[in-house]
């Protein structure tokens, strides 16, 4: 995104946009002339702030990168938010990782992933699963003209996927109203 391209953090750019808006507003207040430039500057400043506020909402302020917590062999607790075709051999499940279990310890986490579950016909929204399967970063195989799955999922704030065989998961909580 723009922040990555420029090498700045979102908070720094947001503060810059806020400061720019305050500067233009102060210049308008203390100026004796009415000038459209001041209004344009204020509008641009608040457009910058709105964009970065939206980015914070999409990315989530408190999200911890899963790679900083997850280790090979950990179990993952996932709350289901979206379900794919019920009749597919591998059912697509999009959900929020609520914890990573390592031995007897559960490390809380809030990040979204996509999981493909073999024979997941009985799954419902808001169910909580626990599964043991390798997480892998979503990457394109590099075929020209192919659907850009990496961009698609990354734009939704999802960077990891997993393929879970039917014997590697269980439902630990049925969601209410599922």
Foldseek 3Di string as FASTA:
>chain_A
DVCVVVVHDLVVQLVVLVVQLVVLVVCCVPDPDHDVVSVVSNVVSVVSNVVSVVVCVQQPPPADPVVVPDDAFKKWKWAFADWADLPDQWIKTKTWTQWIDDPHDTHGGTAIEIETEGNPNPDDHRWIKIFHWDKDFDDDPPDPPDPGVCVVQVVNRYTIYTYGYNVGMDTPGHGPPD
